């Protein structure tokens, strides 16, 4: 039986690659992101690349609590069991300056875009998730290494780790596994704005044991595994996928 899969942050990068991977598995995929035009383009690209893909775009800002009801209603109307929720939405906030107002703005934005987007999606959909389903949250190597600015982005991603462990305990009796994926440098995403300086990208690649940047498909495959029968016994884990890049380098 086909499952319903919800992917947030699905308009580009890791989120789009993740949605495509489930579409290839003949699942129905609900693509959620803020930007309506980009989201529809992503759905069209997936449909073009995957004949017969059953994908549906839904433009919502998942940092807004008001989006919870709209998401729940759309999922409830799908007529399929909710098999998995993968929360790929996130962003690096502009670094704060020396004044407290900009520091506060950096931290608030980091938590809004990286923590609340997951919490709102998860808590709104848990009553609709099928027993034996899966939840995957997307963290970052920054949760271990720290991040730029005053460190808000890395701290926000680290907050998801605690949430994963709490959710895994809450949902274990329903057979729902809950994990986080913490990627290292992944090329071809929006995370780095207009792109990294060549020297910075070269350094990040040199830090890996495999000598290459990650690809969104690499991360998508891990997310797919965690939501498959083969990954059902993996829960309450933070899985790093970074080509062997070492902590603190």
C-alpha atoms as a PDB file:
ATOM      1  CA  UNK A   1       0.000   0.000   0.000  1.00  0.00           C
ATOM      2  CA  UNK A   2       1.270   3.478  -0.856  1.00  0.00           C
ATOM      3  CA  UNK A   3       2.219   5.687   2.079  1.00  0.00           C
ATOM      4  CA  UNK A   4       1.865   9.405   2.551  1.00  0.00           C
ATOM      5  CA  UNK A   5       5.221  11.088   3.186  1.00  0.00           C
ATOM      6  CA  UNK A   6       5.502  14.711   4.319  1.00  0.00           C
ATOM      7  CA  UNK A   7       8.733  16.579   3.593  1.00  0.00           C
ATOM      8  CA  UNK A   8       9.202  20.133   4.845  1.00  0.00           C
ATOM      9  CA  UNK A   9      11.787  22.425   3.290  1.00  0.00           C
ATOM     10  CA  UNK A  10      11.090  20.558   0.064  1.00  0.00           C
ATOM     11  CA  UNK A  11      11.590  23.315  -2.498  1.00  0.00           C
ATOM     12  CA  UNK A  12      15.353  22.831  -2.955  1.00  0.00           C
ATOM     13  CA  UNK A  13      18.500  21.019  -1.900  1.00  0.00           C
ATOM     14  CA  UNK A  14      18.232  18.151   0.578  1.00  0.00           C
ATOM     15  CA  UNK A  15      14.475  18.543   0.972  1.00  0.00           C
ATOM     16  CA  UNK A  16      13.803  18.294  -2.753  1.00  0.00           C
ATOM     17  CA  UNK A  17      16.163  15.321  -3.132  1.00  0.00           C
ATOM     18  CA  UNK A  18      14.425  13.613  -0.209  1.00  0.00           C
ATOM     19  CA  UNK A  19      10.978  14.149  -1.700  1.00  0.00           C
ATOM     20  CA  UNK A  20      12.186  12.774  -5.028  1.00  0.00           C
ATOM     21  CA  UNK A  21      13.597   9.634  -3.371  1.00  0.00           C
ATOM     22  CA  UNK A  22      10.221   8.787  -1.850  1.00  0.00           C
ATOM     23  CA  UNK A  23       8.441   9.573  -5.115  1.00  0.00           C
ATOM     24  CA  UNK A  24      10.711   7.017  -6.777  1.00  0.00           C
ATOM     25  CA  UNK A  25       9.415   4.514  -4.225  1.00  0.00           C
ATOM     26  CA  UNK A  26       5.831   5.171  -5.417  1.00  0.00           C
ATOM     27  CA  UNK A  27       4.881   6.912  -2.186  1.00  0.00           C
ATOM     28  CA  UNK A  28       2.594   9.925  -2.254  1.00  0.00           C
ATOM     29  CA  UNK A  29       4.689  12.908  -1.196  1.00  0.00           C
ATOM     30  CA  UNK A  30       3.410  16.179   0.240  1.00  0.00           C
ATOM     31  CA  UNK A  31       6.019  18.873  -0.390  1.00  0.00           C
ATOM     32  CA  UNK A  32       5.924  21.737   2.113  1.00  0.00           C
ATOM     33  CA  UNK A  33       7.917  24.985   1.944  1.00  0.00           C
ATOM     34  CA  UNK A  34       7.436  28.740   2.268  1.00  0.00           C
ATOM     35  CA  UNK A  35       8.071  29.903  -1.296  1.00  0.00           C
ATOM     36  CA  UNK A  36       5.103  28.947  -3.444  1.00  0.00           C
ATOM     37  CA  UNK A  37       6.747  29.458  -6.856  1.00  0.00           C
ATOM     38  CA  UNK A  38       9.906  27.546  -5.980  1.00  0.00           C
ATOM     39  CA  UNK A  39       7.833  24.801  -4.407  1.00  0.00           C
ATOM     40  CA  UNK A  40       5.720  24.339  -7.521  1.00  0.00           C
ATOM     41  CA  UNK A  41       8.870  24.269  -9.664  1.00  0.00           C
ATOM     42  CA  UNK A  42      10.310  21.559  -7.423  1.00  0.00           C
ATOM     43  CA  UNK A  43       7.137  19.495  -7.759  1.00  0.00           C
ATOM     44  CA  UNK A  44       7.235  19.900 -11.527  1.00  0.00           C
ATOM     45  CA  UNK A  45      10.888  18.838 -11.667  1.00  0.00           C
ATOM     46  CA  UNK A  46      10.210  15.724  -9.619  1.00  0.00           C
ATOM     47  CA  UNK A  47       7.213  14.836 -11.766  1.00  0.00           C
ATOM     48  CA  UNK A  48       9.331  15.291 -14.898  1.00  0.00           C
ATOM     49  CA  UNK A  49      12.176  13.125 -13.563  1.00  0.00           C
ATOM     50  CA  UNK A  50      10.003  10.406 -12.001  1.00  0.00           C
ATOM     51  CA  UNK A  51       7.252   9.162 -14.334  1.00  0.00           C
ATOM     52  CA  UNK A  52       4.048   8.608 -12.412  1.00  0.00           C
ATOM     53  CA  UNK A  53       5.262  10.513  -9.350  1.00  0.00           C
ATOM     54  CA  UNK A  54       2.464  11.431  -6.955  1.00  0.00           C
ATOM     55  CA  UNK A  55       3.630  14.719  -5.446  1.00  0.00           C
ATOM     56  CA  UNK A  56       1.604  17.608  -4.101  1.00  0.00           C
ATOM     57  CA  UNK A  57       2.975  21.047  -3.133  1.00  0.00           C
ATOM     58  CA  UNK A  58       1.687  22.926  -0.101  1.00  0.00           C
ATOM     59  CA  UNK A  59       3.048  26.405   0.565  1.00  0.00           C
ATOM     60  CA  UNK A  60       3.265  26.984   4.331  1.00  0.00           C
ATOM     61  CA  UNK A  61       5.666  28.701   6.710  1.00  0.00           C
ATOM     62  CA  UNK A  62       6.159  26.000   9.331  1.00  0.00           C
ATOM     63  CA  UNK A  63       7.611  28.460  11.848  1.00  0.00           C
ATOM     64  CA  UNK A  64       4.104  29.921  12.102  1.00  0.00           C
ATOM     65  CA  UNK A  65       1.878  28.042  14.541  1.00  0.00           C
ATOM     66  CA  UNK A  66      -1.084  28.894  12.330  1.00  0.00           C
ATOM     67  CA  UNK A  67       0.313  26.584   9.659  1.00  0.00           C
ATOM     68  CA  UNK A  68      -0.235  23.563  11.882  1.00  0.00           C
ATOM     69  CA  UNK A  69      -3.964  23.377  11.267  1.00  0.00           C
ATOM     70  CA  UNK A  70      -3.619  23.776   7.501  1.00  0.00           C
ATOM     71  CA  UNK A  71      -1.013  21.011   7.380  1.00  0.00           C
ATOM     72  CA  UNK A  72      -3.100  18.697   9.537  1.00  0.00           C
ATOM     73  CA  UNK A  73      -6.166  19.234   7.387  1.00  0.00           C
ATOM     74  CA  UNK A  74      -4.299  18.532   4.148  1.00  0.00           C
ATOM     75  CA  UNK A  75      -2.752  15.354   5.540  1.00  0.00           C
ATOM     76  CA  UNK A  76      -6.074  14.196   6.956  1.00  0.00           C
ATOM     77  CA  UNK A  77      -7.748  14.685   3.569  1.00  0.00           C
ATOM     78  CA  UNK A  78      -5.140  12.605   1.722  1.00  0.00           C
ATOM     79  CA  UNK A  79      -6.831   9.304   2.519  1.00  0.00           C
ATOM     80  CA  UNK A  80      -3.536   7.503   3.172  1.00  0.00           C
ATOM     81  CA  UNK A  81      -1.716   6.586   6.364  1.00  0.00           C
ATOM     82  CA  UNK A  82       0.993   9.094   7.264  1.00  0.00           C
ATOM     83  CA  UNK A  83       4.074   6.915   7.015  1.00  0.00           C
ATOM     84  CA  UNK A  84       6.835   9.436   7.628  1.00  0.00           C
ATOM     85  CA  UNK A  85       7.601  13.072   8.361  1.00  0.00           C
ATOM     86  CA  UNK A  86      10.990  14.460   7.365  1.00  0.00           C
ATOM     87  CA  UNK A  87      11.688  18.003   8.572  1.00  0.00           C
ATOM     88  CA  UNK A  88      14.304  19.477   6.246  1.00  0.00           C
ATOM     89  CA  UNK A  89      13.407  23.151   6.689  1.00  0.00           C
ATOM     90  CA  UNK A  90      16.093  25.376   8.140  1.00  0.00           C
ATOM     91  CA  UNK A  91      18.257  28.422   7.547  1.00  0.00           C
ATOM     92  CA  UNK A  92      21.400  30.151   8.769  1.00  0.00           C
ATOM     93  CA  UNK A  93      20.468  33.517  10.262  1.00  0.00           C
ATOM     94  CA  UNK A  94      22.378  36.678   9.529  1.00  0.00           C
ATOM     95  CA  UNK A  95      25.162  36.981  12.120  1.00  0.00           C
ATOM     96  CA  UNK A  96      24.478  39.357  14.974  1.00  0.00           C
ATOM     97  CA  UNK A  97      26.643  42.380  15.572  1.00  0.00           C
ATOM     98  CA  UNK A  98      27.980  43.697  18.851  1.00  0.00           C
ATOM     99  CA  UNK A  99      24.721  45.355  19.895  1.00  0.00           C
ATOM    100  CA  UNK A 100      22.299  43.249  21.892  1.00  0.00           C
ATOM    101  CA  UNK A 101      19.370  43.866  19.560  1.00  0.00           C
ATOM    102  CA  UNK A 102      21.123  42.184  16.632  1.00  0.00           C
ATOM    103  CA  UNK A 103      22.355  39.323  18.818  1.00  0.00           C
ATOM    104  CA  UNK A 104      18.819  38.705  20.029  1.00  0.00           C
ATOM    105  CA  UNK A 105      17.520  38.811  16.466  1.00  0.00           C
ATOM    106  CA  UNK A 106      20.106  36.228  15.373  1.00  0.00           C
ATOM    107  CA  UNK A 107      19.132  33.790  18.120  1.00  0.00           C
ATOM    108  CA  UNK A 108      15.403  34.264  17.664  1.00  0.00           C
ATOM    109  CA  UNK A 109      15.674  33.699  13.919  1.00  0.00           C
ATOM    110  CA  UNK A 110      17.878  30.631  14.404  1.00  0.00           C
ATOM    111  CA  UNK A 111      15.323  28.983  16.667  1.00  0.00           C
ATOM    112  CA  UNK A 112      12.367  30.100  14.575  1.00  0.00           C
ATOM    113  CA  UNK A 113      13.707  28.665  11.333  1.00  0.00           C
ATOM    114  CA  UNK A 114      15.522  25.572  12.645  1.00  0.00           C
ATOM    115  CA  UNK A 115      13.666  24.426  15.760  1.00  0.00           C
ATOM    116  CA  UNK A 116      10.090  25.682  15.538  1.00  0.00           C
ATOM    117  CA  UNK A 117       9.729  24.511  11.932  1.00  0.00           C
ATOM    118  CA  UNK A 118      10.300  20.960  13.164  1.00  0.00           C
ATOM    119  CA  UNK A 119       8.366  21.163  16.438  1.00  0.00           C
ATOM    120  CA  UNK A 120       5.250  22.641  14.831  1.00  0.00           C
ATOM    121  CA  UNK A 121       5.235  20.083  12.010  1.00  0.00           C
ATOM    122  CA  UNK A 122       5.831  17.121  14.317  1.00  0.00           C
ATOM    123  CA  UNK A 123       3.378  18.033  17.047  1.00  0.00           C
ATOM    124  CA  UNK A 124       0.636  18.879  14.562  1.00  0.00           C
ATOM    125  CA  UNK A 125       0.935  15.563  12.721  1.00  0.00           C
ATOM    126  CA  UNK A 126       1.637  13.038  15.474  1.00  0.00           C
ATOM    127  CA  UNK A 127      -2.065  12.239  15.986  1.00  0.00           C
ATOM    128  CA  UNK A 128      -2.293  11.339  12.281  1.00  0.00           C
ATOM    129  CA  UNK A 129       0.889   9.282  12.022  1.00  0.00           C
ATOM    130  CA  UNK A 130       0.469   5.553  11.508  1.00  0.00           C
ATOM    131  CA  UNK A 131       1.901   3.240  14.132  1.00  0.00           C
ATOM    132  CA  UNK A 132       5.231   2.011  12.819  1.00  0.00           C
ATOM    133  CA  UNK A 133       5.888   5.345  11.095  1.00  0.00           C
ATOM    134  CA  UNK A 134       9.037   7.443  11.144  1.00  0.00           C
ATOM    135  CA  UNK A 135      10.163  10.960  12.034  1.00  0.00           C
ATOM    136  CA  UNK A 136      13.446  12.386  10.765  1.00  0.00           C
ATOM    137  CA  UNK A 137      14.732  15.816  11.788  1.00  0.00           C
ATOM    138  CA  UNK A 138      17.637  17.551  10.066  1.00  0.00           C
ATOM    139  CA  UNK A 139      20.465  18.820  12.224  1.00  0.00           C
ATOM    140  CA  UNK A 140      23.976  19.844  11.141  1.00  0.00           C
ATOM    141  CA  UNK A 141      27.650  19.276  11.829  1.00  0.00           C
ATOM    142  CA  UNK A 142      27.406  22.775  13.330  1.00  0.00           C
ATOM    143  CA  UNK A 143      25.648  21.220  16.338  1.00  0.00           C
ATOM    144  CA  UNK A 144      29.029  19.646  17.181  1.00  0.00           C
ATOM    145  CA  UNK A 145      31.464  22.251  15.860  1.00  0.00           C
ATOM    146  CA  UNK A 146      29.618  25.455  16.564  1.00  0.00           C
ATOM    147  CA  UNK A 147      28.746  28.039  13.946  1.00  0.00           C
ATOM    148  CA  UNK A 148      29.458  31.603  12.889  1.00  0.00           C
ATOM    149  CA  UNK A 149      28.075  34.789  14.329  1.00  0.00           C
ATOM    150  CA  UNK A 150      27.380  34.324  18.028  1.00  0.00           C
ATOM    151  CA  UNK A 151      26.744  30.588  17.555  1.00  0.00           C
ATOM    152  CA  UNK A 152      22.970  30.623  17.310  1.00  0.00           C
ATOM    153  CA  UNK A 153      22.669  28.281  14.303  1.00  0.00           C
ATOM    154  CA  UNK A 154      24.741  25.485  15.838  1.00  0.00           C
ATOM    155  CA  UNK A 155      22.936  25.823  19.159  1.00  0.00           C
ATOM    156  CA  UNK A 156      19.549  25.635  17.458  1.00  0.00           C
ATOM    157  CA  UNK A 157      20.507  22.463  15.615  1.00  0.00           C
ATOM    158  CA  UNK A 158      21.793  20.943  18.856  1.00  0.00           C
ATOM    159  CA  UNK A 159      18.393  21.616  20.442  1.00  0.00           C
ATOM    160  CA  UNK A 160      16.871  19.189  17.945  1.00  0.00           C
ATOM    161  CA  UNK A 161      19.004  16.366  19.371  1.00  0.00           C
ATOM    162  CA  UNK A 162      17.308  16.580  22.755  1.00  0.00           C
ATOM    163  CA  UNK A 163      13.914  16.745  21.051  1.00  0.00           C
ATOM    164  CA  UNK A 164      14.715  13.577  19.085  1.00  0.00           C
ATOM    165  CA  UNK A 165      15.462  11.628  22.265  1.00  0.00           C
ATOM    166  CA  UNK A 166      12.262  12.836  23.936  1.00  0.00           C
ATOM    167  CA  UNK A 167      10.162  11.991  20.893  1.00  0.00           C
ATOM    168  CA  UNK A 168      11.713   8.539  20.530  1.00  0.00           C
ATOM    169  CA  UNK A 169      10.725   7.749  24.120  1.00  0.00           C
ATOM    170  CA  UNK A 170       7.234   9.206  23.703  1.00  0.00           C
ATOM    171  CA  UNK A 171       6.523   7.302  20.493  1.00  0.00           C
ATOM    172  CA  UNK A 172       8.396   4.038  20.983  1.00  0.00           C
ATOM    173  CA  UNK A 173       5.340   2.102  22.146  1.00  0.00           C
ATOM    174  CA  UNK A 174       3.657   3.002  18.857  1.00  0.00           C
ATOM    175  CA  UNK A 175       6.595   1.566  16.916  1.00  0.00           C
ATOM    176  CA  UNK A 176       7.494   5.035  15.564  1.00  0.00           C
ATOM    177  CA  UNK A 177      11.231   5.561  15.193  1.00  0.00           C
ATOM    178  CA  UNK A 178      12.658   9.066  15.553  1.00  0.00           C
ATOM    179  CA  UNK A 179      16.119  10.152  14.452  1.00  0.00           C
ATOM    180  CA  UNK A 180      18.112  13.168  13.328  1.00  0.00           C
ATOM    181  CA  UNK A 181      20.531  13.451  10.427  1.00  0.00           C
ATOM    182  CA  UNK A 182      23.470  15.837  10.874  1.00  0.00           C
ATOM    183  CA  UNK A 183      25.104  16.520   7.486  1.00  0.00           C
ATOM    184  CA  UNK A 184      28.485  18.102   6.932  1.00  0.00           C
ATOM    185  CA  UNK A 185      29.187  20.280   3.910  1.00  0.00           C
ATOM    186  CA  UNK A 186      26.650  19.465   1.185  1.00  0.00           C
ATOM    187  CA  UNK A 187      27.034  21.234  -2.143  1.00  0.00           C
ATOM    188  CA  UNK A 188      23.997  22.306  -4.130  1.00  0.00           C
ATOM    189  CA  UNK A 189      21.897  23.642  -1.269  1.00  0.00           C
ATOM    190  CA  UNK A 190      20.610  27.105  -0.304  1.00  0.00           C
ATOM    191  CA  UNK A 191      22.354  27.011   3.059  1.00  0.00           C
ATOM    192  CA  UNK A 192      25.347  29.003   1.860  1.00  0.00           C
ATOM    193  CA  UNK A 193      23.446  31.702  -0.028  1.00  0.00           C
ATOM    194  CA  UNK A 194      25.250  32.611  -3.240  1.00  0.00           C
ATOM    195  CA  UNK A 195      27.894  29.969  -2.639  1.00  0.00           C
ATOM    196  CA  UNK A 196      31.085  29.543  -0.671  1.00  0.00           C
ATOM    197  CA  UNK A 197      34.346  31.235  -1.573  1.00  0.00           C
ATOM    198  CA  UNK A 198      36.507  28.747  -3.464  1.00  0.00           C
ATOM    199  CA  UNK A 199      39.108  28.642  -0.698  1.00  0.00           C
ATOM    200  CA  UNK A 200      36.507  27.876   1.963  1.00  0.00           C
ATOM    201  CA  UNK A 201      34.896  25.133  -0.124  1.00  0.00           C
ATOM    202  CA  UNK A 202      38.298  23.598  -0.848  1.00  0.00           C
ATOM    203  CA  UNK A 203      39.102  23.534   2.864  1.00  0.00           C
ATOM    204  CA  UNK A 204      35.817  21.811   3.734  1.00  0.00           C
ATOM    205  CA  UNK A 205      36.407  19.170   1.083  1.00  0.00           C
ATOM    206  CA  UNK A 206      39.980  18.569   2.293  1.00  0.00           C
ATOM    207  CA  UNK A 207      38.646  17.925   5.777  1.00  0.00           C
ATOM    208  CA  UNK A 208      36.702  14.894   4.572  1.00  0.00           C
ATOM    209  CA  UNK A 209      38.181  11.415   4.433  1.00  0.00           C
ATOM    210  CA  UNK A 210      36.505  10.811   1.077  1.00  0.00           C
ATOM    211  CA  UNK A 211      37.839  13.972  -0.542  1.00  0.00           C
ATOM    212  CA  UNK A 212      34.521  15.282  -1.875  1.00  0.00           C
ATOM    213  CA  UNK A 213      31.589  17.409  -0.875  1.00  0.00           C
ATOM    214  CA  UNK A 214      28.330  15.762   0.046  1.00  0.00           C
ATOM    215  CA  UNK A 215      25.444  15.693  -2.393  1.00  0.00           C
ATOM    216  CA  UNK A 216      21.770  16.129  -1.471  1.00  0.00           C
ATOM    217  CA  UNK A 217      21.171  12.616  -2.799  1.00  0.00           C
ATOM    218  CA  UNK A 218      23.579  11.198  -0.192  1.00  0.00           C
ATOM    219  CA  UNK A 219      21.478  12.664   2.597  1.00  0.00           C
ATOM    220  CA  UNK A 220      18.197  11.724   0.931  1.00  0.00           C
ATOM    221  CA  UNK A 221      19.229   8.068   0.813  1.00  0.00           C
ATOM    222  CA  UNK A 222      19.921   8.053   4.545  1.00  0.00           C
ATOM    223  CA  UNK A 223      16.544   9.645   5.251  1.00  0.00           C
ATOM    224  CA  UNK A 224      14.850   7.047   3.068  1.00  0.00           C
ATOM    225  CA  UNK A 225      16.619   4.216   4.897  1.00  0.00           C
ATOM    226  CA  UNK A 226      15.489   5.477   8.295  1.00  0.00           C
ATOM    227  CA  UNK A 227      11.878   5.469   7.059  1.00  0.00           C
ATOM    228  CA  UNK A 228      12.107   1.969   5.559  1.00  0.00           C
ATOM    229  CA  UNK A 229      11.552  -1.437   7.194  1.00  0.00           C
ATOM    230  CA  UNK A 230      15.337  -1.926   7.162  1.00  0.00           C
ATOM    231  CA  UNK A 231      15.791   1.121   9.398  1.00  0.00           C
ATOM    232  CA  UNK A 232      12.846   0.553  11.711  1.00  0.00           C
ATOM    233  CA  UNK A 233      14.967  -0.505  14.719  1.00  0.00           C
ATOM    234  CA  UNK A 234      17.136   2.605  14.505  1.00  0.00           C
ATOM    235  CA  UNK A 235      15.730   5.217  16.866  1.00  0.00           C
ATOM    236  CA  UNK A 236      16.860   8.028  19.183  1.00  0.00           C
ATOM    237  CA  UNK A 237      20.038   8.434  17.115  1.00  0.00           C
ATOM    238  CA  UNK A 238      21.877  11.422  15.637  1.00  0.00           C
ATOM    239  CA  UNK A 239      23.420  10.115  12.427  1.00  0.00           C
ATOM    240  CA  UNK A 240      26.272  12.137  11.000  1.00  0.00           C
ATOM    241  CA  UNK A 241      26.870  12.074   7.259  1.00  0.00           C
ATOM    242  CA  UNK A 242      29.884  14.152   6.357  1.00  0.00           C
ATOM    243  CA  UNK A 243      32.340  12.058   4.342  1.00  0.00           C
ATOM    244  CA  UNK A 244      34.533  11.523   7.384  1.00  0.00           C
ATOM    245  CA  UNK A 245      35.010  15.155   8.342  1.00  0.00           C
ATOM    246  CA  UNK A 246      36.338  15.286  11.888  1.00  0.00           C
ATOM    247  CA  UNK A 247      34.932  17.233  14.826  1.00  0.00           C
ATOM    248  CA  UNK A 248      36.687  20.422  15.704  1.00  0.00           C
ATOM    249  CA  UNK A 249      38.853  20.621  12.566  1.00  0.00           C
END
